[in-house]
Protein backbone atom coordinates (compact mmCIF):
# COMPACT_ATOMS: atom_id res chain seq x y z
CA MET A 1 108.36 66.74 87.24
CA GLU A 2 107.28 63.12 86.88
CA LYS A 3 103.61 63.25 85.88
CA ALA A 4 102.18 65.48 83.14
CA ILE A 5 98.52 66.35 82.57
CA LEU A 6 97.01 68.10 79.56
CA ALA A 7 93.91 70.05 80.61
CA ALA A 8 91.56 71.37 77.91
CA ILE A 9 90.17 74.81 78.80
CA ASP A 10 87.24 76.67 77.26
CA GLY A 11 86.29 79.17 79.98
CA SER A 12 83.11 77.31 80.94
CA ALA A 13 81.93 76.27 84.39
CA SER A 14 82.62 72.70 83.30
CA SER A 15 86.31 73.30 82.66
CA SER A 16 86.51 75.19 85.98
CA ASN A 17 84.99 72.15 87.71
CA SER A 18 87.64 69.94 86.13
CA LEU A 19 90.39 72.23 87.49
CA ASP A 20 88.83 72.17 90.97
CA TYR A 21 88.80 68.37 90.76
CA LEU A 22 92.48 68.36 89.80
CA ALA A 23 93.37 70.70 92.66
CA ARG A 24 91.42 68.65 95.19
CA LEU A 25 93.40 65.54 94.27
CA PHE A 26 96.84 66.95 93.45
CA GLY A 27 97.07 70.50 94.81
CA THR A 28 99.98 69.56 97.09
CA ASP A 29 101.71 67.23 94.62
CA ARG A 30 104.92 68.89 93.40
CA THR A 31 105.71 66.01 91.04
CA LEU A 32 102.87 67.09 88.75
CA SER A 33 103.08 69.40 85.74
CA ILE A 34 99.95 70.83 84.12
CA HIS A 35 99.68 72.05 80.55
CA LEU A 36 96.56 74.14 79.93
CA VAL A 37 95.49 74.22 76.29
CA SER A 38 92.69 76.18 74.63
CA VAL A 39 91.84 75.29 71.04
CA VAL A 40 90.70 78.05 68.70
CA PRO A 41 88.54 77.11 65.68
CA THR A 42 89.65 78.95 62.55
CA GLY A 43 86.21 79.98 61.34
CA GLY A 44 86.76 82.01 58.20
CA ASN A 45 89.90 80.06 57.34
CA ALA A 46 88.00 76.83 56.82
CA GLY A 47 89.80 74.68 54.31
CA LYS A 48 93.12 76.53 54.87
CA GLU A 49 93.92 75.30 58.40
CA TRP A 50 96.81 73.22 57.09
CA MET A 51 98.70 76.47 56.47
CA PHE A 52 99.19 76.98 60.21
CA ASP A 53 101.02 73.66 60.46
CA VAL A 54 103.61 74.63 57.85
CA ASP A 55 103.65 78.38 58.53
CA PRO A 56 102.56 79.25 62.09
CA TYR A 57 103.22 82.97 61.50
CA ARG A 58 100.69 83.23 58.68
CA ARG A 59 98.18 85.96 59.37
CA GLN A 60 94.94 84.69 60.91
CA ALA A 61 91.50 86.00 60.09
CA PRO A 62 90.20 88.80 62.39
CA ALA A 63 87.61 86.43 63.89
CA THR A 64 90.37 83.96 64.76
CA ASP A 65 92.45 86.76 66.30
CA LYS A 66 89.54 87.66 68.56
CA ARG A 67 89.02 84.03 69.57
CA THR A 68 92.73 83.77 70.37
CA GLN A 69 92.50 86.78 72.67
CA VAL A 70 89.53 85.23 74.46
CA ALA A 71 91.33 81.89 74.72
CA ASN A 72 94.36 83.57 76.28
CA LYS A 73 92.10 85.19 78.88
CA HIS A 74 90.54 81.80 79.71
CA LEU A 75 94.02 80.36 80.15
CA ARG A 76 95.12 83.18 82.47
CA ASP A 77 91.99 82.72 84.57
CA ALA A 78 92.57 78.97 84.70
CA GLN A 79 96.19 79.39 85.76
CA GLU A 80 95.22 81.80 88.51
CA ARG A 81 92.52 79.39 89.68
CA LEU A 82 95.02 76.56 90.01
CA GLN A 83 97.55 78.75 91.82
CA ARG A 84 94.92 79.86 94.33
CA GLN A 85 94.34 76.18 95.10
CA GLY A 86 97.91 75.21 95.80
CA PHE A 87 99.79 74.71 92.54
CA THR A 88 102.92 76.76 91.91
CA ALA A 89 103.47 78.91 88.82
CA ASP A 90 106.31 76.73 87.58
CA GLN A 91 104.02 73.70 87.54
CA ILE A 92 101.69 75.31 84.97
CA GLN A 93 102.16 76.02 81.27
CA THR A 94 99.59 77.51 78.88
CA HIS A 95 99.15 77.26 75.15
CA VAL A 96 96.61 78.38 72.52
CA LYS A 97 96.34 75.94 69.65
CA THR A 98 94.59 76.51 66.33
CA ALA A 99 92.31 73.71 65.19
CA THR A 100 93.35 72.10 61.93
CA SER A 101 91.18 70.22 59.45
CA GLY A 102 90.59 67.43 61.96
CA GLY A 103 88.69 69.73 64.32
CA ILE A 104 89.06 70.54 68.01
CA SER A 105 89.11 66.97 69.30
CA ALA A 106 91.86 66.04 66.84
CA ALA A 107 93.87 69.10 67.90
CA ILE A 108 93.65 68.08 71.57
CA ARG A 109 94.51 64.47 70.78
CA ASP A 110 97.50 65.47 68.63
CA GLU A 111 98.76 67.82 71.32
CA ALA A 112 98.45 65.05 73.92
CA GLU A 113 100.29 62.50 71.82
CA ARG A 114 103.08 64.87 70.76
CA GLY A 115 103.61 66.11 74.31
CA HIS A 116 103.87 62.65 75.87
CA TYR A 117 101.28 63.46 78.53
CA ASP A 118 100.09 60.92 81.07
CA THR A 119 96.45 61.92 80.72
CA VAL A 120 93.99 64.38 79.17
CA LEU A 121 91.60 66.17 81.55
CA ILE A 122 88.29 67.55 80.25
CA GLY A 123 85.06 68.76 81.82
CA ARG A 124 81.63 67.82 80.58
CA ARG A 125 78.47 69.86 80.54
CA GLY A 126 75.96 68.09 82.72
CA HIS A 127 74.07 64.84 82.43
CA GLY A 128 73.29 63.47 78.99
CA ALA A 129 74.73 61.81 75.94
CA VAL A 130 78.41 62.01 75.12
CA GLY A 131 77.63 64.49 72.36
CA ASN A 132 76.49 67.06 74.95
CA MET A 133 79.84 67.19 76.70
CA PHE A 134 82.56 69.81 76.81
CA PHE A 135 83.00 71.52 73.42
CA GLY A 136 79.86 69.75 72.17
CA SER A 137 81.00 66.79 70.13
CA THR A 138 84.68 67.22 71.04
CA SER A 139 84.53 64.85 73.99
CA ALA A 140 82.76 62.28 71.85
CA GLY A 141 85.60 62.53 69.34
CA LEU A 142 88.21 62.10 72.06
CA VAL A 143 86.43 59.12 73.60
CA ASP A 144 86.25 57.46 70.18
CA THR A 145 89.79 58.17 69.00
CA CYS A 146 92.06 58.90 71.97
CA HIS A 147 93.10 55.40 73.06
CA ASN A 148 96.84 55.91 73.49
CA ILE A 149 96.44 58.31 76.41
CA PRO A 150 94.00 57.98 79.35
CA LEU A 151 91.06 60.38 79.49
CA TRP A 152 89.75 61.95 82.69
CA LEU A 153 86.21 63.24 82.16
CA VAL A 154 84.73 65.27 85.00
CA ASP A 155 80.97 65.78 85.30
CA GLY A 156 79.73 68.49 87.61
CA THR A 157 81.20 68.96 91.09
CA VAL A 158 83.19 66.03 92.49
CA THR A 159 83.65 66.27 96.26
CA SER A 160 85.07 62.86 97.21
CA ASN A 161 88.67 61.73 96.79
CA ARG A 162 87.74 58.04 96.97
CA PHE A 163 88.15 55.83 93.88
CA LEU A 164 86.18 52.89 92.52
CA LEU A 165 88.42 50.72 90.30
CA ALA A 166 86.41 48.40 88.05
CA VAL A 167 88.29 45.09 87.90
CA HIS A 168 88.03 42.12 85.54
CA SER A 169 90.35 39.44 84.20
CA GLN A 170 91.67 41.37 81.20
CA PRO A 171 94.90 43.31 80.54
CA ALA A 172 92.88 46.52 80.02
CA SER A 173 91.72 46.38 83.63
CA LEU A 174 95.23 45.89 84.97
CA LEU A 175 96.45 48.76 82.78
CA ALA A 176 93.82 50.97 84.42
CA ALA A 177 95.16 49.94 87.84
CA ASP A 178 98.70 50.65 86.64
CA HIS A 179 97.69 54.16 85.53
CA LEU A 180 95.84 54.82 88.80
CA ALA A 181 98.80 53.56 90.82
CA TYR A 182 101.26 55.75 88.91
CA MET A 183 99.17 58.92 89.16
CA LEU A 184 98.52 58.40 92.89
CA LYS A 185 102.07 57.34 93.71
CA GLY A 186 102.95 58.66 97.14
CA HIS A 187 99.38 59.72 97.97
CA THR A 188 98.96 57.83 101.23
CA GLY A 189 95.61 59.42 102.09
CA VAL A 190 93.49 58.10 99.23
CA ASP A 191 91.03 55.22 99.47
CA ILE A 192 90.47 52.79 96.59
CA CYS A 193 87.63 50.30 96.28
CA LEU A 194 88.14 47.32 93.96
CA TYR A 195 84.88 46.11 92.50
CA HIS A 196 83.79 43.57 89.92
CA SER A 197 80.28 43.72 88.50
CA ASP A 198 79.30 40.73 86.39
CA SER A 199 76.70 40.93 83.67
CA VAL A 200 73.87 38.43 83.73
CA PHE A 201 74.34 38.21 79.96
CA GLY A 202 77.58 37.89 78.02
CA LYS A 203 79.93 36.74 80.76
CA GLN A 204 83.51 37.43 79.64
CA GLN A 205 86.18 34.73 79.67
CA PRO A 206 89.47 35.54 81.45
CA ALA A 207 92.42 36.49 79.26
CA ARG A 208 95.31 34.06 78.88
CA PRO A 209 98.29 34.63 81.21
CA GLU A 210 100.53 35.19 78.19
CA GLU A 211 98.57 38.33 77.30
CA PHE A 212 99.94 40.02 80.42
CA HIS A 213 103.60 39.05 80.02
CA LYS A 214 104.69 41.84 77.67
CA GLN A 215 103.56 44.57 80.06
CA TRP A 216 104.37 43.09 83.46
CA GLY A 217 106.78 40.22 82.78
CA LYS A 218 106.30 36.50 83.25
CA ALA A 219 107.85 36.35 86.71
CA TRP A 220 105.52 39.04 88.11
CA CYS A 221 102.51 37.46 86.41
CA ASP A 222 103.36 33.98 87.72
CA GLN A 223 103.42 35.37 91.24
CA TYR A 224 100.46 37.73 91.28
CA LEU A 225 97.93 36.96 88.51
CA ASP A 226 94.69 35.58 89.97
CA LEU A 227 92.66 35.29 86.78
CA GLU A 228 89.86 33.20 88.28
CA ASN A 229 89.41 35.85 90.98
CA TYR A 230 89.05 38.77 88.53
CA LEU A 231 92.62 39.89 89.35
CA PHE A 232 91.64 41.40 92.69
CA TYR A 233 95.02 40.40 94.13
CA ALA A 234 97.00 41.63 91.10
CA HIS A 235 95.24 45.00 91.10
CA ALA A 236 95.95 45.47 94.81
CA GLN A 237 99.59 44.46 94.31
CA LEU A 238 100.14 47.13 91.63
CA LEU A 239 98.66 49.77 93.92
CA MET A 240 100.78 48.72 96.88
CA GLU A 241 103.96 48.66 94.78
CA ASN A 242 103.34 52.36 94.12
CA GLY A 243 102.98 53.30 97.76
CA ILE A 244 99.23 52.96 98.34
CA PRO A 245 98.87 51.51 101.87
CA LYS A 246 97.19 48.12 102.06
CA ASN A 247 94.67 49.41 104.59
CA ARG A 248 93.51 51.98 102.02
CA ILE A 249 92.51 49.30 99.51
CA THR A 250 89.13 47.60 99.92
CA GLN A 251 87.75 44.65 97.96
CA LEU A 252 83.99 45.03 97.63
CA PRO A 253 81.80 41.92 97.30
CA MET A 254 81.25 40.94 93.66
CA GLN A 255 77.69 41.27 92.36
CA MET A 256 75.80 40.36 89.21
CA HIS A 257 73.48 42.81 87.43
CA LEU A 258 71.63 43.32 84.18
CA ASP A 259 73.28 46.73 83.68
CA VAL A 260 76.94 46.74 84.74
CA SER A 261 77.38 50.48 84.12
CA ALA A 262 74.43 51.41 86.33
CA ASP A 263 75.80 49.06 88.99
CA LEU A 264 79.22 50.74 88.89
CA LEU A 265 77.61 54.13 89.39
CA ARG A 266 75.42 52.74 92.19
CA GLN A 267 78.43 51.25 93.96
CA ALA A 268 80.40 54.48 93.57
CA LYS A 269 77.59 56.44 95.19
CA GLN A 270 77.06 53.88 97.95
CA HIS A 271 80.75 53.90 98.89
CA ASN A 272 81.22 57.65 98.40
CA CYS A 273 83.62 57.32 95.47
CA GLY A 274 83.98 60.46 93.38
CA THR A 275 85.98 58.76 90.60
CA ILE A 276 85.37 55.57 88.63
CA VAL A 277 88.37 54.07 86.81
CA ILE A 278 87.68 51.75 83.86
CA GLY A 279 90.04 49.93 81.51
CA ARG A 280 89.05 49.84 77.82
CA ARG A 281 90.15 47.52 75.06
CA SER A 282 92.49 49.07 72.51
CA ARG A 283 91.16 50.12 69.11
CA GLY A 284 92.53 46.94 67.59
CA GLY A 285 90.71 44.74 70.07
CA SER A 286 87.17 43.49 70.15
CA ALA A 287 84.80 46.08 71.60
CA GLY A 288 82.55 43.67 73.43
CA GLN A 289 81.18 44.32 76.88
CA ILE A 290 84.02 46.55 78.10
CA LYS A 291 83.44 49.33 75.56
CA GLY A 292 79.69 49.20 76.17
CA VAL A 293 80.20 49.50 79.93
CA SER A 294 82.60 52.43 79.68
CA ASP A 295 80.36 54.30 77.21
CA ARG A 296 77.20 53.81 79.28
CA THR A 297 78.93 54.69 82.54
CA LEU A 298 80.20 57.90 81.00
CA LYS A 299 76.79 58.86 79.66
CA GLN A 300 75.05 58.30 83.00
CA ALA A 301 77.67 59.79 85.34
CA GLN A 302 76.61 62.83 87.39
CA ASN A 303 78.90 64.76 89.73
CA THR A 304 81.42 62.02 89.08
CA ALA A 305 84.76 61.75 87.32
CA VAL A 306 85.35 58.81 84.96
CA TRP A 307 88.86 57.76 83.99
CA LEU A 308 89.02 55.78 80.75
CA VAL A 309 92.30 53.93 80.22
CA GLY A 310 93.09 52.20 76.92
């Protein structure tokens, strides 16, 4: 297996939608491994969750035992759902995890980081603020704190396999293209639209070429970086190097809008793209426009998947 996905399961229609989305994109991909995790809150053991880290065989409270049984059922149902849609049994693993003092979002993040997964997949419950997503505030916690591993957040039913990749002249954007290229490696039937939406206010200056050297090397950057063109050429090059045919990559005309996030969603709908891919600055970087765009896009997305990278 080359690519590993951690999928958070809670038995809801939202998590089922996220599994259907995964199957639609990767149901025939035998290079993918899927780890289904269901996190059980400890309830009556509040304040003693640390004990499960040092002694996993410690007796749980009856309420936690019942939740664990329910979680195991959700995982079995999820595994069967994926197998009905093309995945093989040996591609899927399941695991019930007990939430520690950091809560459910911290448990998912810790599992993702320890397991060296390529992404975390979660479903969200309908249109609204981040706090109304899957597991209530859990998605909000992941969006705020899970920057080392990409997040795939699926809203509603996503029916299109086309992608809208938001491009700009920053390393975060090229990292998003790198992640997309890696996850779609060998998928010759996908279509990817490259699009740059410029804000009327707060125009962002291009990054310096040196900021890209550590990740992609000076020689590659000297040949392919087109910073004054929002890295359209560099993004396309990364995709093609991972087997995406050139005729499947489209550069959409750049536009300028007051609300970049609304424009990204509008362009995705207009070009029948079911997934929007956005690069975010790391936690150590300045938040600026990029974080605002990713947050607002996520809040407004309906029947759309949003990949946040960085």
